[in-house]
Amino acid sequence: MVPVQPDLALVPDFLAQEELDEGKLVIPWDAPMTGTGSYYMAIPEHKFELEKIRALREWIRERC
């Protein structure tokens, strides 16, 4: 996982388990959250058409 500061990510524990174990990341609340099986991207409108964002959108679409 690539560290980015400051942000919040909602991901399954297993995707960040190493960073959680090392104390690089924390779980900010005790209540687990359940997912819907959907993907959402929050991107500033002025960055929506950047090549790296477009590539990520396409990568997600190909796998859904």
Foldseek 3Di string as FASTA:
>chain_A
DDDDPDDDDQDPCVVCVVCVVVVVDDDPDDDRDDDDPDDDDDDPPVCCPPPVNVVVVVVVVVVD
